[in-house]
Protein backbone atom coordinates (compact mmCIF):
# COMPACT_ATOMS: atom_id res chain seq x y z
CA MET A 1 80.28 28.32 74.35
CA LYS A 2 83.83 29.58 74.33
CA THR A 3 84.24 33.04 72.80
CA CYS A 4 86.66 33.01 69.86
CA PRO A 5 89.21 35.83 69.59
CA GLN A 6 87.98 38.55 67.26
CA VAL A 7 91.31 39.91 66.15
CA LEU A 8 94.26 37.68 65.48
CA CYS A 9 97.16 38.03 63.09
CA PHE A 10 98.06 34.80 61.35
CA LEU A 11 101.21 33.67 59.65
CA PHE A 12 99.50 31.06 57.55
CA SER A 13 102.12 28.40 57.21
CA SER A 14 100.16 26.20 54.81
CA PHE A 15 101.44 28.26 51.90
CA VAL A 16 105.10 28.22 52.88
CA LEU A 17 106.98 25.01 52.26
CA LEU A 18 108.83 24.73 55.52
CA PRO A 19 111.88 22.52 55.94
CA SER A 20 110.88 18.92 56.34
CA SER A 21 112.55 15.70 57.24
CA LEU A 22 112.74 12.77 54.88
CA VAL A 23 110.58 9.97 56.19
CA LEU A 24 111.40 6.52 54.83
CA PRO A 25 109.25 3.48 55.58
CA SER A 26 111.56 0.74 56.73
CA SER A 27 109.87 -1.75 54.39
CA PHE A 28 111.02 -0.02 51.19
CA GLY A 29 114.22 1.21 49.69
CA ALA A 30 114.71 3.67 46.86
CA GLU A 31 115.13 0.80 44.37
CA SER A 32 111.88 -1.01 45.21
CA ARG A 33 109.31 1.70 45.73
CA PRO A 34 105.79 0.29 45.52
CA ASN A 35 103.22 1.26 42.95
CA ILE A 36 100.16 3.09 44.29
CA LEU A 37 96.69 2.23 42.99
CA PHE A 38 94.15 4.63 44.47
CA LEU A 39 90.48 3.84 43.81
CA PHE A 40 88.33 6.77 44.91
CA ALA A 41 84.60 6.86 44.10
CA ASP A 42 82.54 10.04 44.16
CA ASP A 43 79.86 10.24 46.90
CA TRP A 44 80.32 6.56 47.81
CA GLY A 45 80.01 6.80 51.57
CA ARG A 46 80.30 3.79 53.85
CA TYR A 47 78.40 1.19 51.83
CA ALA A 48 80.12 -2.16 51.39
CA SER A 49 79.05 -5.64 52.36
CA VAL A 50 82.09 -6.16 54.58
CA MET A 51 81.02 -3.14 56.66
CA ALA A 52 77.92 -5.00 57.85
CA GLU A 53 80.21 -7.32 59.77
CA ALA A 54 82.71 -4.62 60.76
CA ASP A 55 80.09 -2.23 62.14
CA GLY A 56 78.07 -4.98 63.74
CA ARG A 57 74.84 -3.19 62.78
CA GLY A 58 74.01 -4.68 59.40
CA GLY A 59 71.18 -2.66 57.93
CA ILE A 60 71.82 -1.26 54.44
CA ASN A 61 75.14 -3.09 54.19
CA ASP A 62 73.25 -6.38 54.46
CA VAL A 63 71.84 -5.67 51.00
CA VAL A 64 74.74 -4.23 48.98
CA ARG A 65 77.31 -6.64 47.47
CA THR A 66 80.93 -5.49 47.05
CA PRO A 67 83.08 -8.64 46.78
CA ASN A 68 86.14 -6.87 45.35
CA PHE A 69 86.32 -4.22 48.04
CA ASP A 70 85.68 -6.91 50.63
CA ARG A 71 88.58 -8.97 49.29
CA ILE A 72 91.02 -6.08 49.63
CA ALA A 73 89.64 -5.24 53.08
CA ARG A 74 90.10 -8.81 54.31
CA SER A 75 93.58 -9.20 52.86
CA GLY A 76 94.68 -5.81 54.16
CA VAL A 77 93.50 -3.36 56.81
CA LEU A 78 89.89 -2.24 57.07
CA PHE A 79 89.41 1.08 58.85
CA ARG A 80 86.22 1.25 60.85
CA ASN A 81 86.52 4.98 61.62
CA ALA A 82 87.58 6.67 58.39
CA HIS A 83 86.17 10.14 57.69
CA VAL A 84 86.61 12.86 55.11
CA ASN A 85 87.64 16.30 56.28
CA ALA A 86 84.72 17.95 54.43
CA PRO A 87 81.56 16.28 53.06
CA SER A 88 81.67 18.28 49.82
CA CYS A 89 83.60 17.19 46.73
CA THR A 90 86.14 19.95 46.08
CA PRO A 91 87.14 20.81 49.67
CA CYS A 92 87.32 17.10 50.48
CA ARG A 93 89.67 16.52 47.55
CA SER A 94 91.66 19.67 48.34
CA SER A 95 92.36 18.29 51.80
CA LEU A 96 93.20 14.82 50.52
CA LEU A 97 95.57 15.99 47.78
CA SER A 98 97.32 18.54 50.00
CA GLY A 99 97.40 16.45 53.18
CA GLN A 100 96.00 19.49 55.00
CA TYR A 101 92.69 20.49 56.55
CA PHE A 102 90.49 22.05 53.88
CA TRP A 103 90.45 25.44 55.62
CA ARG A 104 94.19 25.73 54.89
CA THR A 105 93.73 25.44 51.11
CA ARG A 106 92.50 29.00 50.42
CA ARG A 107 89.89 28.87 47.63
CA GLY A 108 90.19 25.12 47.57
CA ALA A 109 88.04 25.25 50.73
CA ILE A 110 84.81 25.78 48.74
CA LEU A 111 83.13 24.04 45.82
CA GLN A 112 81.64 26.65 43.46
CA GLY A 113 84.32 29.25 42.82
CA ALA A 114 87.23 27.04 43.87
CA VAL A 115 90.67 28.02 42.57
CA TRP A 116 93.81 26.01 43.25
CA ASP A 117 96.84 27.73 44.77
CA SER A 118 99.90 26.16 43.12
CA SER A 119 102.07 27.00 46.13
CA ILE A 120 100.28 24.29 48.13
CA PRO A 121 102.22 21.00 47.93
CA ALA A 122 100.17 18.19 46.40
CA TYR A 123 101.23 14.57 46.82
CA PRO A 124 100.82 13.48 43.14
CA LEU A 125 103.16 16.17 41.86
CA LEU A 126 105.69 15.42 44.59
CA LEU A 127 105.64 11.76 43.57
CA LYS A 128 106.08 12.75 39.95
CA GLU A 129 109.12 14.85 40.83
CA ALA A 130 110.49 11.79 42.62
CA GLY A 131 110.23 9.66 39.48
CA TYR A 132 106.75 8.15 39.68
CA HIS A 133 104.63 7.72 36.57
CA ILE A 134 101.37 9.42 37.56
CA GLY A 135 98.01 9.29 35.85
CA LYS A 136 94.31 9.50 36.43
CA SER A 137 90.96 8.64 34.93
CA TYR A 138 87.74 10.54 35.54
CA LYS A 139 87.35 12.93 38.48
CA VAL A 140 90.20 14.17 40.68
CA TRP A 141 89.63 17.84 41.61
CA SER A 142 86.53 19.54 40.27
CA PRO A 143 84.65 21.73 39.99
CA GLY A 144 87.56 24.08 40.32
CA THR A 145 90.07 26.08 38.33
CA PRO A 146 92.26 24.86 36.74
CA VAL A 147 90.54 21.48 36.51
CA ASP A 148 92.50 18.78 38.36
CA ALA A 149 95.27 21.29 39.07
CA PRO A 150 96.69 19.39 42.08
CA TYR A 151 97.21 16.43 39.75
CA GLY A 152 98.92 18.46 37.04
CA GLY A 153 95.77 19.23 35.07
CA GLN A 154 94.79 17.14 32.08
CA GLN A 155 98.32 16.22 31.01
CA HIS A 156 98.07 13.08 33.14
CA ALA A 157 94.53 12.10 32.07
CA TYR A 158 93.95 8.66 30.55
CA GLU A 159 90.45 8.58 29.12
CA LYS A 160 90.83 7.74 25.41
CA ALA A 161 88.82 4.60 25.93
CA GLY A 162 85.94 6.81 27.09
CA ARG A 163 84.19 8.49 30.02
CA ARG A 164 80.85 6.71 29.87
CA PHE A 165 81.52 4.75 33.05
CA ASN A 166 80.52 7.93 34.90
CA GLN A 167 76.99 7.51 33.50
CA PHE A 168 76.84 3.82 34.24
CA SER A 169 73.12 3.21 34.65
CA GLN A 170 72.25 5.68 31.88
CA THR A 171 74.60 4.02 29.39
CA VAL A 172 73.72 0.42 30.25
CA THR A 173 70.00 1.19 30.22
CA LYS A 174 70.26 2.79 26.77
CA LEU A 175 72.35 -0.04 25.33
CA ALA A 176 69.90 -2.57 26.76
CA ALA A 177 66.97 -0.65 25.27
CA ASP A 178 68.74 -0.88 21.90
CA GLY A 179 68.79 -4.66 22.21
CA MET A 180 72.10 -5.43 23.91
CA PRO A 181 71.94 -7.89 26.83
CA VAL A 182 72.45 -6.15 30.17
CA GLU A 183 75.65 -8.03 31.05
CA ALA A 184 77.11 -7.28 27.63
CA ALA A 185 76.22 -3.60 28.08
CA LYS A 186 78.00 -3.58 31.43
CA GLN A 187 81.03 -5.17 29.80
CA VAL A 188 81.30 -2.22 27.42
CA LEU A 189 81.93 0.04 30.41
CA TYR A 190 84.18 -2.45 32.16
CA ASP A 191 86.31 -2.56 29.00
CA GLU A 192 86.45 1.24 29.03
CA ALA A 193 87.75 1.39 32.60
CA ARG A 194 90.26 -1.37 31.89
CA GLY A 195 91.34 0.26 28.63
CA ASN A 196 92.08 3.60 30.27
CA PHE A 197 94.21 1.90 32.91
CA GLN A 198 96.03 -0.21 30.31
CA ALA A 199 96.89 2.95 28.35
CA PHE A 200 98.32 4.48 31.51
CA LEU A 201 100.44 1.42 32.22
CA ALA A 202 101.70 1.29 28.65
CA ASP A 203 103.16 4.79 28.97
CA ARG A 204 105.48 4.15 31.89
CA ARG A 205 109.17 3.40 31.57
CA PRO A 206 110.44 -0.11 32.39
CA GLY A 207 110.75 -0.51 36.15
CA GLN A 208 109.17 2.87 36.86
CA PRO A 209 106.79 2.89 39.87
CA PHE A 210 103.33 4.21 39.13
CA CYS A 211 100.68 6.18 40.99
CA TYR A 212 97.21 5.93 39.44
CA TRP A 213 93.95 7.59 40.50
CA PHE A 214 90.68 5.95 39.43
CA GLY A 215 87.89 8.42 40.18
CA PRO A 216 84.48 7.27 38.87
CA THR A 217 81.51 9.58 39.44
CA ASN A 218 78.60 7.26 38.73
CA THR A 219 77.75 7.18 42.45
CA HIS A 220 77.16 10.94 42.16
CA ARG A 221 73.70 12.02 41.07
CA LYS A 222 71.97 11.34 38.84
CA TRP A 223 71.18 7.71 37.98
CA ILE A 224 68.31 5.95 36.25
CA LYS A 225 65.25 5.34 38.40
CA GLY A 226 64.71 1.63 38.89
CA SER A 227 68.22 0.72 37.74
CA GLY A 228 69.17 -0.90 41.03
CA LYS A 229 66.65 -3.65 40.46
CA ALA A 230 66.80 -3.74 36.66
CA LEU A 231 70.59 -3.92 36.36
CA TRP A 232 71.67 -5.43 39.68
CA GLY A 233 68.69 -7.31 41.05
CA ILE A 234 68.54 -5.17 44.20
CA ASP A 235 64.95 -5.33 45.45
CA PRO A 236 64.05 -1.99 47.08
CA ASP A 237 61.79 -3.76 49.51
CA ALA A 238 64.75 -5.82 50.74
CA LEU A 239 65.74 -2.55 52.43
CA GLN A 240 62.48 -2.34 54.38
CA GLY A 241 63.20 -2.20 58.09
CA LYS A 242 66.91 -1.57 57.45
CA MET A 243 66.71 2.19 56.87
CA PRO A 244 68.23 4.62 59.38
CA PRO A 245 65.66 6.57 61.40
CA PHE A 246 66.28 9.87 59.58
CA TRP A 247 65.04 8.47 56.22
CA PRO A 248 61.38 7.67 55.53
CA ASP A 249 61.06 3.90 55.18
CA VAL A 250 58.79 4.13 52.13
CA HIS A 251 59.10 2.51 48.72
CA GLU A 252 60.13 5.71 46.90
CA VAL A 253 63.11 6.25 49.19
CA ARG A 254 64.05 2.56 49.25
CA GLU A 255 64.06 2.52 45.43
CA ASP A 256 66.26 5.61 45.30
CA LEU A 257 68.68 3.94 47.70
CA ALA A 258 68.63 0.67 45.76
CA ASP A 259 69.55 2.57 42.59
CA TYR A 260 72.47 4.20 44.40
CA LEU A 261 73.67 0.85 45.74
CA GLY A 262 73.63 -0.47 42.19
CA GLU A 263 76.07 2.28 41.21
CA ALA A 264 78.28 1.31 44.17
CA GLN A 265 78.30 -2.27 42.89
CA ALA A 266 79.39 -0.99 39.47
CA VAL A 267 82.33 0.76 41.14
CA ASP A 268 83.17 -2.47 42.93
CA ALA A 269 83.19 -4.39 39.66
CA ALA A 270 85.68 -1.88 38.22
CA ILE A 271 87.88 -2.26 41.32
CA GLY A 272 88.16 -5.95 40.56
CA LEU A 273 89.14 -5.28 36.95
CA LEU A 274 91.92 -2.84 37.80
CA VAL A 275 93.34 -5.06 40.51
CA ASP A 276 93.28 -7.90 37.98
CA GLU A 277 95.35 -5.80 35.56
CA VAL A 278 98.01 -5.31 38.22
CA ARG A 279 97.96 -9.04 38.90
CA LYS A 280 98.51 -9.74 35.19
CA LEU A 281 101.55 -7.47 35.28
CA GLY A 282 102.99 -9.60 38.04
CA GLU A 283 103.21 -6.53 40.29
CA LEU A 284 100.42 -7.14 42.76
CA ASP A 285 102.92 -7.90 45.52
CA ASN A 286 104.56 -4.51 44.96
CA THR A 287 101.41 -2.38 44.69
CA LEU A 288 99.78 -0.50 47.54
CA ILE A 289 96.01 -0.62 46.93
CA VAL A 290 93.90 2.03 48.64
CA ILE A 291 90.12 2.18 48.21
CA SER A 292 87.84 4.93 49.54
CA GLY A 293 85.33 7.64 48.58
CA ASP A 294 84.94 11.38 48.98
CA HIS A 295 81.98 11.54 51.41
CA GLY A 296 78.46 10.31 51.95
CA ILE A 297 75.39 9.66 49.84
CA PRO A 298 73.99 12.57 47.76
CA GLY A 299 70.39 13.73 47.84
CA PHE A 300 69.57 12.05 51.15
CA PRO A 301 69.12 13.80 54.53
CA HIS A 302 72.06 13.43 56.93
CA GLY A 303 74.32 12.55 53.98
CA LYS A 304 76.45 14.70 51.69
CA CYS A 305 77.10 18.23 53.05
CA ASN A 306 76.34 17.13 56.63
CA LEU A 307 78.73 16.48 59.51
CA TYR A 308 76.92 13.37 60.70
CA ASP A 309 78.49 9.96 60.07
CA THR A 310 76.32 9.44 56.99
CA GLY A 311 77.96 12.54 55.51
CA THR A 312 81.60 12.21 56.59
CA GLY A 313 82.06 8.47 57.10
CA VAL A 314 83.63 6.52 54.23
CA CYS A 315 84.93 3.08 53.41
CA LEU A 316 88.70 2.72 53.60
CA ALA A 317 90.71 -0.41 52.96
CA ILE A 318 94.46 -0.62 52.34
CA ALA A 319 96.47 -3.65 51.25
CA GLY A 320 99.88 -4.23 49.75
CA PRO A 321 103.58 -4.60 50.53
CA GLY A 322 104.46 -3.82 54.12
CA VAL A 323 100.83 -3.95 55.26
CA ARG A 324 100.05 -6.50 57.95
CA GLY A 325 96.70 -7.68 56.66
CA GLY A 326 93.68 -9.45 58.02
CA ARG A 327 92.91 -6.70 60.52
CA VAL A 328 90.06 -4.35 61.36
CA VAL A 329 91.24 -1.25 63.22
CA ASP A 330 89.39 1.40 65.21
CA ASP A 331 91.93 4.20 64.77
CA PHE A 332 90.33 7.44 63.62
CA VAL A 333 91.52 8.40 60.16
CA ASN A 334 91.05 11.67 58.32
CA LEU A 335 91.59 11.28 54.57
CA THR A 336 94.19 14.06 54.87
CA ASP A 337 96.32 11.21 56.23
CA LEU A 338 96.56 9.62 52.78
CA ALA A 339 98.90 12.23 51.28
CA PRO A 340 101.73 11.65 53.80
CA THR A 341 101.04 7.91 53.59
CA PHE A 342 101.52 7.95 49.82
CA LEU A 343 104.64 10.10 50.08
CA GLU A 344 106.16 7.82 52.68
CA THR A 345 105.36 4.86 50.41
CA GLY A 346 107.39 6.53 47.68
CA SER A 347 110.28 7.49 50.00
CA VAL A 348 109.45 11.16 49.42
CA ALA A 349 109.88 13.93 51.99
CA VAL A 350 106.63 14.82 53.72
CA PRO A 351 106.22 18.63 53.76
CA ALA A 352 105.97 20.01 57.27
CA VAL A 353 102.82 21.96 56.31
CA MET A 354 100.81 18.75 56.01
CA THR A 355 98.45 18.32 58.95
CA GLY A 356 97.69 14.71 58.02
CA ARG A 357 99.74 11.91 59.59
CA SER A 358 101.06 8.88 57.77
CA LEU A 359 99.12 5.68 58.33
CA TRP A 360 102.21 3.48 58.04
CA PRO A 361 102.59 2.96 61.82
CA VAL A 362 99.06 1.53 61.82
CA LEU A 363 99.53 -0.42 58.57
CA LYS A 364 102.71 -2.11 59.84
CA ALA A 365 101.36 -2.98 63.29
CA ASP A 366 100.10 -6.44 64.19
CA ARG A 367 97.19 -5.42 66.42
CA GLN A 368 93.48 -4.98 65.84
CA GLY A 369 91.21 -2.44 67.51
CA LEU A 370 92.91 0.81 68.48
CA VAL A 371 96.53 0.66 67.33
CA ASP A 372 97.75 4.24 67.76
CA PRO A 373 96.58 5.69 71.12
CA GLN A 374 96.78 9.19 69.59
CA ARG A 375 94.15 8.39 66.95
CA THR A 376 91.08 8.78 69.13
CA PHE A 377 89.22 11.53 67.26
CA VAL A 378 88.72 13.15 63.88
CA VAL A 379 87.85 16.77 63.02
CA THR A 380 85.56 17.62 60.12
CA GLY A 381 83.93 20.76 58.77
CA ARG A 382 82.32 22.59 55.90
CA GLU A 383 81.79 26.06 54.51
CA ARG A 384 80.09 26.81 51.17
CA HIS A 385 78.95 24.04 48.85
CA VAL A 386 76.96 25.40 45.89
CA GLU A 387 76.57 28.95 44.63
CA MET A 388 73.05 30.36 44.99
CA ALA A 389 72.60 33.94 43.79
CA ARG A 390 69.22 34.46 45.42
CA VAL A 391 70.62 33.94 48.93
CA GLY A 392 73.92 35.75 48.50
CA HIS A 393 76.15 32.68 48.35
CA LEU A 394 76.48 32.58 52.14
CA PRO A 395 78.13 29.48 53.58
CA TYR A 396 76.76 27.22 56.26
CA PRO A 397 79.86 26.98 58.47
CA GLN A 398 80.27 23.96 60.72
CA ARG A 399 83.08 22.20 62.54
CA SER A 400 82.84 18.89 64.35
CA ILE A 401 84.84 16.52 66.50
CA ARG A 402 84.02 12.81 66.42
CA THR A 403 85.29 10.38 69.05
CA ALA A 404 84.41 6.77 69.75
CA ASP A 405 81.59 7.83 72.10
CA TYR A 406 80.42 11.26 70.97
CA ARG A 407 80.04 13.69 68.12
CA LEU A 408 79.98 17.43 68.78
CA ILE A 409 78.99 19.83 65.99
CA ILE A 410 79.35 23.61 66.17
CA ASN A 411 77.03 25.48 63.79
CA PHE A 412 78.63 28.92 63.63
CA LYS A 413 75.64 30.55 61.92
CA PRO A 414 72.52 28.92 63.39
CA ASP A 415 70.33 31.66 61.89
CA ARG A 416 70.91 30.12 58.45
CA TYR A 417 69.39 27.02 56.94
CA PRO A 418 71.84 24.07 56.82
CA GLN A 419 70.98 23.01 53.26
CA GLY A 420 70.30 26.45 51.82
CA GLU A 421 67.39 28.87 51.99
CA PRO A 422 63.91 27.45 51.33
CA TYR A 423 62.52 28.74 48.06
CA ASN A 424 58.81 29.56 47.79
CA LEU A 425 57.78 26.36 49.55
CA ASN A 426 54.68 27.94 51.05
CA GLY A 427 54.64 31.24 49.20
CA PRO A 428 52.32 32.50 46.48
CA THR A 429 54.21 30.47 43.87
CA PRO A 430 55.15 27.15 45.51
CA PRO A 431 57.33 24.75 43.53
CA THR A 432 55.60 22.59 40.98
CA ALA A 433 55.74 18.82 41.06
CA GLU A 434 58.32 18.96 38.27
CA GLU A 435 60.51 21.29 40.32
CA LEU A 436 60.59 18.73 43.11
CA THR A 437 61.92 15.89 40.95
CA GLU A 438 65.47 14.66 40.66
CA VAL A 439 66.37 17.12 37.90
CA THR A 440 66.19 20.30 39.95
CA PHE A 441 68.07 22.06 42.73
CA VAL A 442 65.32 24.62 43.27
CA THR A 443 65.19 24.26 47.04
CA PHE A 444 67.66 23.22 49.73
CA PRO A 445 70.40 23.20 47.08
CA ASP A 446 73.27 21.98 49.23
CA GLU A 447 71.59 18.60 49.38
CA ASP A 448 71.74 17.26 45.84
CA ALA A 449 68.41 16.87 44.10
CA GLY A 450 66.81 13.46 43.86
CA PRO A 451 63.65 11.43 44.48
CA THR A 452 64.27 11.14 48.23
CA LYS A 453 64.55 14.87 48.75
CA ALA A 454 61.62 15.47 46.41
CA TRP A 455 59.46 13.01 48.35
CA LEU A 456 60.30 14.46 51.76
CA VAL A 457 59.85 18.07 50.66
CA GLY A 458 56.54 17.08 49.11
CA GLN A 459 55.40 15.57 52.43
CA ARG A 460 56.57 18.50 54.57
CA ASP A 461 53.06 19.31 55.84
CA ASP A 462 52.11 15.73 56.64
CA PRO A 463 52.21 15.33 60.46
CA GLN A 464 53.74 11.86 60.05
CA TRP A 465 56.75 13.13 58.10
CA LYS A 466 57.12 16.73 59.24
CA PRO A 467 59.56 15.78 62.07
CA LEU A 468 61.94 14.20 59.52
CA PHE A 469 61.56 17.22 57.23
CA ASP A 470 62.39 19.59 60.10
CA LEU A 471 65.30 17.41 61.19
CA ALA A 472 66.78 17.58 57.70
CA TYR A 473 66.01 21.13 56.60
CA GLY A 474 65.12 23.16 59.66
CA LYS A 475 67.51 25.53 61.40
CA ARG A 476 69.87 23.90 63.87
CA PRO A 477 71.12 25.11 67.25
CA ARG A 478 74.65 26.37 67.67
CA GLU A 479 75.68 23.13 69.35
CA GLU A 480 74.75 19.55 68.58
CA LEU A 481 75.98 16.71 70.77
CA TYR A 482 75.23 13.04 70.20
CA ASP A 483 75.82 10.12 72.54
CA LEU A 484 76.83 7.46 70.04
CA LYS A 485 76.39 4.54 72.41
CA LYS A 486 72.72 5.41 72.84
CA ASP A 487 72.17 7.19 69.52
CA PRO A 488 74.45 5.79 66.78
CA TYR A 489 72.44 7.51 64.03
CA GLN A 490 72.83 10.97 65.59
CA VAL A 491 69.25 12.19 65.74
CA HIS A 492 68.80 13.09 69.44
CA ASN A 493 70.72 16.23 70.34
CA VAL A 494 71.73 16.22 74.02
CA ALA A 495 73.81 19.41 73.97
CA ALA A 496 71.37 21.18 76.30
CA ASP A 497 71.16 18.27 78.74
CA PRO A 498 72.96 19.20 82.01
CA ALA A 499 74.07 15.57 82.36
CA TYR A 500 76.35 16.09 79.32
CA ALA A 501 77.70 19.53 80.26
CA ALA A 502 81.18 18.26 81.14
CA VAL A 503 81.42 16.17 77.98
CA ARG A 504 80.29 19.11 75.83
CA THR A 505 82.82 21.47 77.42
CA GLU A 506 85.71 19.04 77.02
CA LEU A 507 84.90 18.22 73.39
CA GLU A 508 84.54 21.89 72.54
CA ARG A 509 87.94 22.59 74.09
CA ARG A 510 89.58 19.81 72.07
CA LEU A 511 87.89 20.95 68.87
CA MET A 512 88.82 24.61 69.29
CA ASP A 513 92.38 23.71 70.23
CA GLU A 514 92.75 21.78 66.98
CA LEU A 515 91.19 24.57 64.90
CA GLN A 516 93.49 27.16 66.45
CA ARG A 517 96.53 24.90 66.13
CA THR A 518 95.87 24.55 62.40
CA ASP A 519 95.02 28.22 61.77
CA ASP A 520 91.34 27.92 60.85
CA PRO A 521 90.17 31.35 59.57
CA ARG A 522 86.65 30.56 60.80
CA LEU A 523 87.84 31.55 64.29
CA VAL A 524 89.09 34.99 63.18
CA ASN A 525 86.83 38.07 63.04
CA ASP A 526 83.69 35.92 63.13
CA GLY A 527 84.87 34.05 60.05
CA ARG A 528 85.13 37.13 57.83
CA TYR A 529 87.52 35.35 55.48
CA PHE A 530 84.82 32.81 54.60
CA GLU A 531 81.96 35.33 54.74
CA THR A 532 83.21 37.74 52.06
CA PRO A 533 84.17 37.41 48.37
CA PRO A 534 85.59 35.33 46.86
CA LEU A 535 84.87 32.69 49.52
CA ALA A 536 81.23 33.82 49.70
CA GLY A 537 79.03 35.95 47.50
CA PRO A 538 80.18 37.03 44.02
CA LEU A 539 83.69 36.19 42.92
CA PRO A 540 85.58 39.41 42.07
CA LYS A 541 89.04 39.20 43.61
CA ASP A 542 90.86 37.56 46.47
CA VAL A 543 90.52 38.53 50.11
CA PRO A 544 93.82 38.56 52.03
CA HIS A 545 94.14 35.60 54.32
CA PRO A 546 94.44 36.38 58.03
CA LYS A 547 97.97 36.11 59.29
CA ARG A 548 99.37 35.46 62.73
CA LYS A 549 102.64 36.75 64.11
CA ARG A 550 105.22 34.17 65.00
């Protein structure tokens, strides 16, 4: 393992708006700037029926049905290797909105205790300054202070029709229990989503381009148990034999997954409604449609808050004017790339501090597979997710590089537990059955609570399931390396295998070069910036950011 420098002085350029060049996509002029419709679901992951064909593996994606996402993917560009920068809501969104790696966004790099630094350029506000009508419904940047700050706070919120879509299965189940037919109950929420978007469109000036963010959170915990089958007809046992090897293939887990897939199908239905509204306006041909999500599945091992593909991999499809559609591409995309892509769409200068790169060269190309030979890897990471007083709010710092053939993960603090400290699991007062249900975060808090986690924690002493429990919640070595050709699900760590020594060394070099190039504080003084308040522990006052001399 390469030794990181202990003392460096950083000039942290992410907070200085350096001179930048105006980048104009050749497809658009100032008089015909496209609208931007961004559909971004919380905790959605890489679950869409079209992905079964694109990945060539089938499995879970054989069961879910997402016809509206599939339609956009087939008419536009489907990205097979799209990843978030951080598999945790707020830092992921900080990186997306700023177009920078999350570690460059100061207190935007954590979830609990996040505070937005207004000196960081954010693409929505830059588009607004350039004349776009911007608006949003539901979640953009939270939890964090001020709420949705990179989108201008609540002044651009359009939610008068309601916010119940975010509790989709809860609301539909209640309405159905009160006697409303299930499809009619769903329609109530569809009308809400459509109504919020219609209100946004009604507020723009004639001919004004718009940029709208639709951010439903129903795919975030929690949802109604059994709702996948009751509301969507998804049979949990249809998932039998299709589960990845790090999840127990038992009915309880399959039902939890089926319920989650039902929420994904609700998101897909809303996608169709909003696209239909644009079609009714007669502006579909001048609207860039981008669909994605902010990381992997919550409450499942290997998912949210993990740097495996199930945690960082997301759906991404882009269609619209200037996009050469009907293609599946293998280029590696970090969602930080969306900010410069949106700015270029609007003929707006891309700030030089943005580490993301516009996707327009890929979108305008006419090739499938790997289009840009420079897009052969993606870097991801995480620090602190939730705030747990009993363990001192310490982060679990990781960075990873993912290529077509390998994933290398560096766990900077292997003495810590990756999902938080175990809490009285085998002590004198072990958790009760109620504490292990979906309504509690009593143990392993960084993995959201839910029936799957509760089941696995409850089976931790069963010899059949203990290996999966240890894989999910046990301490991890400093280095994890996975050979994706042999091990696509990333469960067999080969970092200590001498046959992979050269691969490990080369990937570590590439990863550390990128972290140093982009001024990651994790490499300075053993990560002190992230290990002390307010980035860890209590939240009194700011810690100066490390600076480097020019």
